[in-house]
C-alpha atoms as a PDB file:
ATOM      1  CA  MET A   1     -16.309   7.070 157.407  1.00  0.00           C
ATOM      2  CA  ARG A   2     -17.060   5.249 154.164  1.00  0.00           C
ATOM      3  CA  ALA A   3     -19.289   7.034 151.645  1.00  0.00           C
ATOM      4  CA  LEU A   4     -20.868   5.628 148.498  1.00  0.00           C
ATOM      5  CA  VAL A   5     -21.694   8.411 146.022  1.00  0.00           C
ATOM      6  CA  LEU A   6     -24.092   7.635 143.172  1.00  0.00           C
ATOM      7  CA  SER A   7     -24.272  10.038 140.249  1.00  0.00           C
ATOM      8  CA  GLY A   8     -27.170  10.929 138.005  1.00  0.00           C
ATOM      9  CA  GLY A   9     -27.691   9.227 134.661  1.00  0.00           C
ATOM     10  CA  ALA A  10     -31.362   8.159 134.294  1.00  0.00           C
ATOM     11  CA  ALA A  11     -31.704   4.729 132.638  1.00  0.00           C
ATOM     12  CA  HIS A  12     -27.950   4.142 132.892  1.00  0.00           C
ATOM     13  CA  GLY A  13     -28.553   3.627 136.623  1.00  0.00           C
ATOM     14  CA  ALA A  14     -28.553  -0.112 135.854  1.00  0.00           C
ATOM     15  CA  PHE A  15     -24.742   0.145 135.842  1.00  0.00           C
ATOM     16  CA  GLN A  16     -24.863   1.356 139.451  1.00  0.00           C
ATOM     17  CA  ALA A  17     -26.978  -1.629 140.493  1.00  0.00           C
ATOM     18  CA  GLY A  18     -24.300  -4.025 139.236  1.00  0.00           C
ATOM     19  CA  ALA A  19     -21.533  -2.006 140.900  1.00  0.00           C
ATOM     20  CA  ILE A  20     -23.381  -1.946 144.237  1.00  0.00           C
ATOM     21  CA  GLN A  21     -23.898  -5.702 144.076  1.00  0.00           C
ATOM     22  CA  ALA A  22     -20.172  -6.259 143.550  1.00  0.00           C
ATOM     23  CA  LEU A  23     -19.197  -3.869 146.368  1.00  0.00           C
ATOM     24  CA  TYR A  24     -21.411  -5.683 148.853  1.00  0.00           C
ATOM     25  CA  GLU A  25     -20.142  -9.074 147.669  1.00  0.00           C
ATOM     26  CA  MET A  26     -16.587  -7.879 148.348  1.00  0.00           C
ATOM     27  CA  GLY A  27     -17.614  -6.745 151.823  1.00  0.00           C
ATOM     28  CA  TRP A  28     -17.343  -3.017 151.124  1.00  0.00           C
ATOM     29  CA  VAL A  29     -20.374  -1.599 152.950  1.00  0.00           C
ATOM     30  CA  PRO A  30     -20.744   2.203 153.237  1.00  0.00           C
ATOM     31  CA  ASP A  31     -21.722   4.252 156.260  1.00  0.00           C
ATOM     32  CA  VAL A  32     -23.280   6.923 154.017  1.00  0.00           C
ATOM     33  CA  VAL A  33     -25.038   6.488 150.666  1.00  0.00           C
ATOM     34  CA  CYS A  34     -25.422   9.759 148.815  1.00  0.00           C
ATOM     35  CA  GLY A  35     -27.067  10.222 145.427  1.00  0.00           C
ATOM     36  CA  ALA A  36     -28.550  12.639 142.936  1.00  0.00           C
ATOM     37  CA  SER A  37     -31.201  11.929 140.319  1.00  0.00           C
ATOM     38  CA  VAL A  38     -31.314   8.172 139.572  1.00  0.00           C
ATOM     39  CA  GLY A  39     -28.511   7.778 142.116  1.00  0.00           C
ATOM     40  CA  ALA A  40     -30.931   9.041 144.765  1.00  0.00           C
ATOM     41  CA  ILE A  41     -33.412   6.283 143.924  1.00  0.00           C
ATOM     42  CA  ASN A  42     -30.722   3.598 143.999  1.00  0.00           C
ATOM     43  CA  ALA A  43     -29.468   4.997 147.319  1.00  0.00           C
ATOM     44  CA  ALA A  44     -32.951   5.000 148.845  1.00  0.00           C
ATOM     45  CA  CYS A  45     -33.576   1.412 147.767  1.00  0.00           C
ATOM     46  CA  VAL A  46     -30.331   0.160 149.311  1.00  0.00           C
ATOM     47  CA  VAL A  47     -30.587   2.062 152.591  1.00  0.00           C
ATOM     48  CA  SER A  48     -34.260   1.095 153.017  1.00  0.00           C
ATOM     49  CA  GLY A  49     -33.232  -2.549 153.200  1.00  0.00           C
ATOM     50  CA  LYS A  50     -33.510  -3.737 149.607  1.00  0.00           C
ATOM     51  CA  THR A  51     -30.679  -6.143 148.780  1.00  0.00           C
ATOM     52  CA  PRO A  52     -28.368  -5.465 145.831  1.00  0.00           C
ATOM     53  CA  GLU A  53     -29.943  -8.519 144.182  1.00  0.00           C
ATOM     54  CA  HIS A  54     -33.377  -6.902 144.528  1.00  0.00           C
ATOM     55  CA  LEU A  55     -32.006  -3.691 143.025  1.00  0.00           C
ATOM     56  CA  CYS A  56     -30.578  -5.564 140.024  1.00  0.00           C
ATOM     57  CA  SER A  57     -33.890  -7.380 139.576  1.00  0.00           C
ATOM     58  CA  LEU A  58     -35.734  -4.064 139.667  1.00  0.00           C
ATOM     59  CA  TRP A  59     -33.520  -2.717 136.915  1.00  0.00           C
ATOM     60  CA  ARG A  60     -34.010  -5.810 134.777  1.00  0.00           C
ATOM     61  CA  ASP A  61     -37.787  -5.570 135.070  1.00  0.00           C
ATOM     62  CA  VAL A  62     -38.369  -1.820 134.816  1.00  0.00           C
ATOM     63  CA  GLU A  63     -39.805  -0.433 131.572  1.00  0.00           C
ATOM     64  CA  SER A  64     -39.968   3.116 130.282  1.00  0.00           C
ATOM     65  CA  SER A  65     -43.730   3.035 130.912  1.00  0.00           C
ATOM     66  CA  ASP A  66     -42.950   2.452 134.623  1.00  0.00           C
ATOM     67  CA  VAL A  67     -41.040   5.742 134.718  1.00  0.00           C
ATOM     68  CA  TYR A  68     -42.827   8.206 132.435  1.00  0.00           C
ATOM     69  CA  ARG A  69     -45.546   8.678 129.846  1.00  0.00           C
ATOM     70  CA  TRP A  70     -46.218  11.214 127.144  1.00  0.00           C
ATOM     71  CA  ARG A  71     -48.453  14.109 128.042  1.00  0.00           C
ATOM     72  CA  PRO A  72     -52.110  13.602 127.054  1.00  0.00           C
ATOM     73  CA  PRO A  73     -53.213  14.834 123.604  1.00  0.00           C
ATOM     74  CA  VAL A  74     -55.227  17.695 125.087  1.00  0.00           C
ATOM     75  CA  ASP A  75     -51.988  19.227 126.439  1.00  0.00           C
ATOM     76  CA  TRP A  76     -50.629  19.589 122.897  1.00  0.00           C
ATOM     77  CA  LEU A  77     -53.154  22.357 122.253  1.00  0.00           C
ATOM     78  CA  ALA A  78     -50.992  24.626 124.434  1.00  0.00           C
ATOM     79  CA  PHE A  79     -47.551  23.092 123.972  1.00  0.00           C
ATOM     80  CA  TRP A  80     -45.868  26.524 123.968  1.00  0.00           C
ATOM     81  CA  LYS A  81     -46.688  26.804 127.680  1.00  0.00           C
ATOM     82  CA  TRP A  82     -44.993  23.527 128.564  1.00  0.00           C
ATOM     83  CA  ARG A  83     -42.335  23.370 131.278  1.00  0.00           C
ATOM     84  CA  TYR A  84     -41.713  19.663 130.655  1.00  0.00           C
ATOM     85  CA  VAL A  85     -42.338  16.981 128.015  1.00  0.00           C
ATOM     86  CA  LEU A  86     -42.790  13.700 129.902  1.00  0.00           C
ATOM     87  CA  ASP A  87     -45.138  12.995 132.818  1.00  0.00           C
ATOM     88  CA  THR A  88     -43.555  11.060 135.725  1.00  0.00           C
ATOM     89  CA  LYS A  89     -46.637   9.913 137.619  1.00  0.00           C
ATOM     90  CA  PRO A  90     -45.602   6.273 136.921  1.00  0.00           C
ATOM     91  CA  LEU A  91     -42.234   6.915 138.585  1.00  0.00           C
ATOM     92  CA  ARG A  92     -43.932   8.036 141.795  1.00  0.00           C
ATOM     93  CA  LYS A  93     -45.789   4.702 141.933  1.00  0.00           C
ATOM     94  CA  LEU A  94     -42.533   2.836 141.280  1.00  0.00           C
ATOM     95  CA  VAL A  95     -40.809   4.694 144.131  1.00  0.00           C
ATOM     96  CA  ASP A  96     -43.655   3.948 146.527  1.00  0.00           C
ATOM     97  CA  ARG A  97     -43.472   0.221 145.654  1.00  0.00           C
ATOM     98  CA  HIS A  98     -39.729  -0.194 146.038  1.00  0.00           C
ATOM     99  CA  VAL A  99     -38.658   2.244 148.773  1.00  0.00           C
ATOM    100  CA  ASP A 100     -39.746   1.414 152.307  1.00  0.00           C
ATOM    101  CA  PHE A 101     -39.560   4.791 154.028  1.00  0.00           C
ATOM    102  CA  GLU A 102     -40.173   3.397 157.511  1.00  0.00           C
ATOM    103  CA  GLU A 103     -37.162   1.098 157.067  1.00  0.00           C
ATOM    104  CA  LEU A 104     -35.235   4.017 155.626  1.00  0.00           C
ATOM    105  CA  TYR A 105     -35.820   6.125 158.740  1.00  0.00           C
ATOM    106  CA  HIS A 106     -34.623   3.312 161.035  1.00  0.00           C
ATOM    107  CA  ALA A 107     -31.606   2.260 158.963  1.00  0.00           C
ATOM    108  CA  ASN A 108     -28.086   2.261 160.391  1.00  0.00           C
ATOM    109  CA  GLN A 109     -26.762   3.810 157.195  1.00  0.00           C
ATOM    110  CA  LEU A 110     -27.194   7.484 156.450  1.00  0.00           C
ATOM    111  CA  ALA A 111     -28.951   8.324 153.166  1.00  0.00           C
ATOM    112  CA  LEU A 112     -28.679  11.683 151.400  1.00  0.00           C
ATOM    113  CA  CYS A 113     -30.157  13.023 148.189  1.00  0.00           C
ATOM    114  CA  PHE A 114     -30.222  16.459 146.605  1.00  0.00           C
ATOM    115  CA  SER A 115     -32.427  18.694 144.493  1.00  0.00           C
ATOM    116  CA  VAL A 116     -32.247  22.288 143.235  1.00  0.00           C
ATOM    117  CA  ASP A 117     -34.714  25.050 144.096  1.00  0.00           C
ATOM    118  CA  VAL A 118     -36.181  26.270 140.784  1.00  0.00           C
ATOM    119  CA  LYS A 119     -36.593  29.886 141.974  1.00  0.00           C
ATOM    120  CA  THR A 120     -33.354  30.434 143.890  1.00  0.00           C
ATOM    121  CA  GLY A 121     -30.963  27.871 142.413  1.00  0.00           C
ATOM    122  CA  ALA A 122     -30.081  26.709 145.935  1.00  0.00           C
ATOM    123  CA  LEU A 123     -29.100  23.109 146.607  1.00  0.00           C
ATOM    124  CA  ARG A 124     -31.574  21.218 148.836  1.00  0.00           C
ATOM    125  CA  ALA A 125     -30.498  18.245 150.958  1.00  0.00           C
ATOM    126  CA  TYR A 126     -32.712  15.402 152.163  1.00  0.00           C
ATOM    127  CA  THR A 127     -31.793  12.676 154.628  1.00  0.00           C
ATOM    128  CA  ASN A 128     -33.282   9.744 156.523  1.00  0.00           C
ATOM    129  CA  ARG A 129     -31.876  11.077 159.825  1.00  0.00           C
ATOM    130  CA  LEU A 130     -31.812  14.662 161.033  1.00  0.00           C
ATOM    131  CA  THR A 131     -29.267  14.059 163.806  1.00  0.00           C
ATOM    132  CA  ASP A 132     -25.485  13.674 163.947  1.00  0.00           C
ATOM    133  CA  PHE A 133     -24.711  16.297 161.311  1.00  0.00           C
ATOM    134  CA  PRO A 134     -21.731  18.593 161.859  1.00  0.00           C
ATOM    135  CA  THR A 135     -22.762  22.200 162.458  1.00  0.00           C
ATOM    136  CA  LYS A 136     -20.980  23.359 159.291  1.00  0.00           C
ATOM    137  CA  PHE A 137     -22.851  20.799 157.194  1.00  0.00           C
ATOM    138  CA  ARG A 138     -26.180  21.706 158.773  1.00  0.00           C
ATOM    139  CA  ARG A 139     -25.699  25.418 158.153  1.00  0.00           C
ATOM    140  CA  ARG A 140     -24.651  24.912 154.548  1.00  0.00           C
ATOM    141  CA  TYR A 141     -27.174  22.304 153.400  1.00  0.00           C
ATOM    142  CA  GLN A 142     -30.049  22.622 155.916  1.00  0.00           C
ATOM    143  CA  PRO A 143     -31.079  18.959 155.540  1.00  0.00           C
ATOM    144  CA  GLN A 144     -34.745  17.992 155.569  1.00  0.00           C
ATOM    145  CA  LEU A 145     -36.406  14.609 156.015  1.00  0.00           C
ATOM    146  CA  PHE A 146     -36.263  12.179 153.084  1.00  0.00           C
ATOM    147  CA  ASP A 147     -39.621  11.233 151.517  1.00  0.00           C
ATOM    148  CA  SER A 148     -41.070  10.286 148.128  1.00  0.00           C
ATOM    149  CA  GLU A 149     -41.414  13.960 147.201  1.00  0.00           C
ATOM    150  CA  ALA A 150     -37.676  14.404 147.750  1.00  0.00           C
ATOM    151  CA  LEU A 151     -36.935  11.560 145.337  1.00  0.00           C
ATOM    152  CA  MET A 152     -39.280  13.007 142.729  1.00  0.00           C
ATOM    153  CA  SER A 153     -37.543  16.375 143.098  1.00  0.00           C
ATOM    154  CA  SER A 154     -34.093  14.845 142.812  1.00  0.00           C
ATOM    155  CA  THR A 155     -35.012  13.114 139.536  1.00  0.00           C
ATOM    156  CA  ALA A 156     -36.821  16.033 137.850  1.00  0.00           C
ATOM    157  CA  ILE A 157     -34.611  16.541 134.772  1.00  0.00           C
ATOM    158  CA  PRO A 158     -35.172  20.148 133.594  1.00  0.00           C
ATOM    159  CA  LEU A 159     -37.341  20.430 130.448  1.00  0.00           C
ATOM    160  CA  VAL A 160     -37.785  16.646 130.334  1.00  0.00           C
ATOM    161  CA  PHE A 161     -39.628  15.840 133.596  1.00  0.00           C
ATOM    162  CA  PRO A 162     -41.914  18.082 135.709  1.00  0.00           C
ATOM    163  CA  TRP A 163     -40.404  19.680 138.754  1.00  0.00           C
ATOM    164  CA  SER A 164     -41.700  18.497 142.100  1.00  0.00           C
ATOM    165  CA  GLY A 165     -42.307  20.948 144.940  1.00  0.00           C
ATOM    166  CA  GLU A 166     -40.706  23.657 142.769  1.00  0.00           C
ATOM    167  CA  GLU A 167     -37.424  21.729 142.725  1.00  0.00           C
ATOM    168  CA  TRP A 168     -35.336  20.265 139.894  1.00  0.00           C
ATOM    169  CA  ASP A 169     -32.910  17.401 139.497  1.00  0.00           C
ATOM    170  CA  GLY A 170     -30.075  17.592 142.033  1.00  0.00           C
ATOM    171  CA  ALA A 171     -27.611  16.567 139.336  1.00  0.00           C
ATOM    172  CA  LEU A 172     -28.014  20.049 137.870  1.00  0.00           C
ATOM    173  CA  LEU A 173     -25.642  21.317 140.601  1.00  0.00           C
ATOM    174  CA  GLN A 174     -24.269  18.109 142.142  1.00  0.00           C
ATOM    175  CA  TYR A 175     -24.107  15.436 139.455  1.00  0.00           C
ATOM    176  CA  ALA A 176     -22.131  13.311 141.906  1.00  0.00           C
ATOM    177  CA  PRO A 177     -22.567  14.834 145.380  1.00  0.00           C
ATOM    178  CA  MET A 178     -19.059  14.388 146.749  1.00  0.00           C
ATOM    179  CA  ARG A 179     -18.686  17.795 148.388  1.00  0.00           C
ATOM    180  CA  PRO A 180     -21.448  17.040 150.918  1.00  0.00           C
ATOM    181  CA  VAL A 181     -19.819  13.763 152.035  1.00  0.00           C
ATOM    182  CA  VAL A 182     -16.472  15.547 152.324  1.00  0.00           C
ATOM    183  CA  ALA A 183     -18.233  18.051 154.612  1.00  0.00           C
ATOM    184  CA  LEU A 184     -19.607  15.115 156.618  1.00  0.00           C
ATOM    185  CA  GLY A 185     -16.082  13.879 157.303  1.00  0.00           C
ATOM    186  CA  ALA A 186     -15.719  10.989 154.852  1.00  0.00           C
ATOM    187  CA  THR A 187     -12.293   9.363 154.794  1.00  0.00           C
ATOM    188  CA  GLU A 188     -13.068   6.962 151.932  1.00  0.00           C
ATOM    189  CA  ILE A 189     -15.332   7.662 148.959  1.00  0.00           C
ATOM    190  CA  VAL A 190     -16.416   5.250 146.262  1.00  0.00           C
ATOM    191  CA  LEU A 191     -17.996   7.176 143.406  1.00  0.00           C
ATOM    192  CA  VAL A 192     -20.117   5.245 140.911  1.00  0.00           C
ATOM    193  CA  SER A 193     -20.298   7.618 137.968  1.00  0.00           C
ATOM    194  CA  LEU A 194     -22.396   6.952 134.884  1.00  0.00           C
ATOM    195  CA  GLU A 195     -20.251   9.067 132.591  1.00  0.00           C
ATOM    196  CA  VAL A 196     -17.902   7.161 130.288  1.00  0.00           C
ATOM    197  CA  ASP A 197     -14.171   7.632 130.905  1.00  0.00           C
ATOM    198  CA  GLN A 198     -13.722   8.911 127.343  1.00  0.00           C
ATOM    199  CA  PRO A 199     -17.135  10.266 126.286  1.00  0.00           C
ATOM    200  CA  ASP A 200     -18.017  10.587 122.619  1.00  0.00           C
ATOM    201  CA  LEU A 201     -20.720  13.236 122.629  1.00  0.00           C
ATOM    202  CA  ARG A 202     -22.804  13.409 119.460  1.00  0.00           C
ATOM    203  CA  LEU A 203     -24.942  16.194 118.088  1.00  0.00           C
ATOM    204  CA  PRO A 204     -28.355  15.803 119.755  1.00  0.00           C
ATOM    205  CA  THR A 205     -31.494  15.167 117.729  1.00  0.00           C
ATOM    206  CA  GLY A 206     -34.737  16.591 119.090  1.00  0.00           C
ATOM    207  CA  LEU A 207     -35.725  18.471 122.221  1.00  0.00           C
ATOM    208  CA  LEU A 208     -35.278  15.615 124.703  1.00  0.00           C
ATOM    209  CA  GLN A 209     -31.795  14.703 123.500  1.00  0.00           C
ATOM    210  CA  THR A 210     -30.823  18.382 123.534  1.00  0.00           C
ATOM    211  CA  ALA A 211     -31.917  18.728 127.160  1.00  0.00           C
ATOM    212  CA  LEU A 212     -29.960  15.594 128.110  1.00  0.00           C
ATOM    213  CA  GLN A 213     -26.886  16.856 126.249  1.00  0.00           C
ATOM    214  CA  VAL A 214     -26.958  20.097 128.225  1.00  0.00           C
ATOM    215  CA  MET A 215     -27.102  18.051 131.448  1.00  0.00           C
ATOM    216  CA  ASN A 216     -24.269  15.787 130.215  1.00  0.00           C
ATOM    217  CA  ILE A 217     -21.915  18.677 129.526  1.00  0.00           C
ATOM    218  CA  SER A 218     -22.739  20.389 132.824  1.00  0.00           C
ATOM    219  CA  SER A 219     -22.376  17.091 134.705  1.00  0.00           C
ATOM    220  CA  MET A 220     -18.946  16.253 133.322  1.00  0.00           C
ATOM    221  CA  SER A 221     -17.629  19.722 134.134  1.00  0.00           C
ATOM    222  CA  ALA A 222     -18.884  19.516 137.736  1.00  0.00           C
ATOM    223  CA  LEU A 223     -17.607  15.953 138.137  1.00  0.00           C
ATOM    224  CA  HIS A 224     -14.077  16.772 137.014  1.00  0.00           C
ATOM    225  CA  ALA A 225     -13.994  19.845 139.266  1.00  0.00           C
ATOM    226  CA  ASP A 226     -15.063  17.826 142.326  1.00  0.00           C
ATOM    227  CA  ILE A 227     -12.544  15.048 141.668  1.00  0.00           C
ATOM    228  CA  LYS A 228      -9.804  17.654 141.297  1.00  0.00           C
ATOM    229  CA  MET A 229     -10.930  19.296 144.547  1.00  0.00           C
ATOM    230  CA  ILE A 230     -10.482  16.048 146.480  1.00  0.00           C
ATOM    231  CA  LEU A 231      -7.131  15.239 144.882  1.00  0.00           C
ATOM    232  CA  ASP A 232      -5.877  18.763 145.587  1.00  0.00           C
ATOM    233  CA  ARG A 233      -6.980  18.506 149.245  1.00  0.00           C
ATOM    234  CA  ASN A 234      -4.917  15.363 149.625  1.00  0.00           C
ATOM    235  CA  THR A 235      -1.750  17.270 148.711  1.00  0.00           C
ATOM    236  CA  GLN A 236      -2.283  20.105 151.205  1.00  0.00           C
ATOM    237  CA  GLU A 237      -1.279  20.181 154.839  1.00  0.00           C
ATOM    238  CA  GLY A 238      -4.024  20.495 157.410  1.00  0.00           C
ATOM    239  CA  TYR A 239      -6.608  18.490 155.474  1.00  0.00           C
ATOM    240  CA  ARG A 240      -7.505  14.872 156.157  1.00  0.00           C
ATOM    241  CA  ASN A 241      -6.601  12.429 153.424  1.00  0.00           C
ATOM    242  CA  ILE A 242      -9.568  11.017 151.470  1.00  0.00           C
ATOM    243  CA  ASP A 243      -9.229   7.755 149.571  1.00  0.00           C
ATOM    244  CA  LEU A 244     -11.203   8.244 146.365  1.00  0.00           C
ATOM    245  CA  HIS A 245     -12.134   5.355 144.063  1.00  0.00           C
ATOM    246  CA  VAL A 246     -14.049   6.025 140.847  1.00  0.00           C
ATOM    247  CA  ILE A 247     -16.095   3.270 139.225  1.00  0.00           C
ATOM    248  CA  SER A 248     -17.323   4.292 135.778  1.00  0.00           C
ATOM    249  CA  PRO A 249     -18.077   2.680 132.404  1.00  0.00           C
ATOM    250  CA  THR A 250     -15.160   2.162 130.032  1.00  0.00           C
ATOM    251  CA  ARG A 251     -17.470   2.192 127.018  1.00  0.00           C
ATOM    252  CA  SER A 252     -20.834   3.447 125.895  1.00  0.00           C
ATOM    253  CA  LEU A 253     -23.632   1.481 127.542  1.00  0.00           C
ATOM    254  CA  GLY A 254     -25.326   1.297 124.155  1.00  0.00           C
ATOM    255  CA  TYR A 255     -28.699   2.856 124.874  1.00  0.00           C
ATOM    256  CA  SER A 256     -30.329   6.216 125.545  1.00  0.00           C
ATOM    257  CA  LYS A 257     -30.591   7.509 129.095  1.00  0.00           C
ATOM    258  CA  LEU A 258     -34.345   7.706 128.557  1.00  0.00           C
ATOM    259  CA  ASN A 259     -34.729   4.124 127.322  1.00  0.00           C
ATOM    260  CA  PHE A 260     -35.556   2.211 130.507  1.00  0.00           C
ATOM    261  CA  SER A 261     -36.866  -0.683 128.372  1.00  0.00           C
ATOM    262  CA  SER A 262     -33.565  -1.352 126.613  1.00  0.00           C
ATOM    263  CA  PRO A 263     -32.354  -4.985 126.562  1.00  0.00           C
ATOM    264  CA  GLU A 264     -28.861  -3.520 127.003  1.00  0.00           C
ATOM    265  CA  LYS A 265     -29.626  -2.962 130.711  1.00  0.00           C
ATOM    266  CA  GLU A 266     -28.454  -6.507 131.478  1.00  0.00           C
ATOM    267  CA  SER A 267     -25.115  -5.733 129.877  1.00  0.00           C
ATOM    268  CA  ALA A 268     -24.930  -2.476 131.862  1.00  0.00           C
ATOM    269  CA  ILE A 269     -25.497  -4.365 135.130  1.00  0.00           C
ATOM    270  CA  GLY A 270     -22.727  -6.811 134.238  1.00  0.00           C
ATOM    271  CA  HIS A 271     -20.388  -4.011 133.209  1.00  0.00           C
ATOM    272  CA  GLY A 272     -21.011  -2.281 136.538  1.00  0.00           C
ATOM    273  CA  ARG A 273     -20.147  -5.477 138.422  1.00  0.00           C
ATOM    274  CA  ASN A 274     -16.959  -5.977 136.431  1.00  0.00           C
ATOM    275  CA  ARG A 275     -15.817  -2.388 136.806  1.00  0.00           C
ATOM    276  CA  ALA A 276     -16.398  -2.482 140.573  1.00  0.00           C
ATOM    277  CA  TYR A 277     -14.297  -5.637 140.928  1.00  0.00           C
ATOM    278  CA  GLN A 278     -11.560  -4.203 138.713  1.00  0.00           C
ATOM    279  CA  THR A 279     -11.456  -0.917 140.633  1.00  0.00           C
ATOM    280  CA  MET A 280     -11.778  -2.223 144.199  1.00  0.00           C
ATOM    281  CA  ARG A 281     -10.219  -5.680 144.314  1.00  0.00           C
ATOM    282  CA  ASP A 282      -6.874  -4.330 145.567  1.00  0.00           C
ATOM    283  CA  TYR A 283      -8.531  -2.254 148.348  1.00  0.00           C
ATOM    284  CA  VAL A 284     -10.921  -4.683 150.061  1.00  0.00           C
END
């Protein structure tokens, strides 16, 4: 079973669009597409029948105003009660325009996305099909049906965006949800991570950048632990071997993860394409 795993990373998701386009051009088509946060949106677009070219076009055209807006002035009178800074009503409209849920439910590929229950901290799984899951997977993740609310939940960055259905961004626990696809029985995983190979974290400025920095540090720790888990499994008897390929940026993408209007998105798409070809050309 081939699994494509798409990490979180907000506006840096343009890199994933380029990588997906290259993978499909090379003939590498996954059986399962699994994502968290922006990776969940990219996964839903692909599995619902949108071509990689459409996905790249979406990323070229999207603006920050299509994703979020500042809270209205009246809200500032009680800012100390805030649970989030940016309103994501525009993102819900964007999701409804670009994800065909009827096509998603009838797709041959399996789609998975994840969110985190705000009250319990439990990981929540959503899928386009509720059949064909191993019993162990079903007991652990209790998958529910994919819908627009699931995507809003999976992208709800704590402190930055409002939670949806009392759930936060899935990347909080599963920045790159590889453990679930291992539980599904994947034998080959292509991970498209939006974290730079050699990150150069800077001191954050302001509340939004501080919240993103917290997510960055947590994400990198979880990512490295999951990669190590798979590599360790491959050295132990009694476990199936999993071919793991990691496609990630080799440099900073040059713009903030909240800047969906950045002209650097075109460069990020191209970098994703190049990195996918460099990583996968000897395997397809």
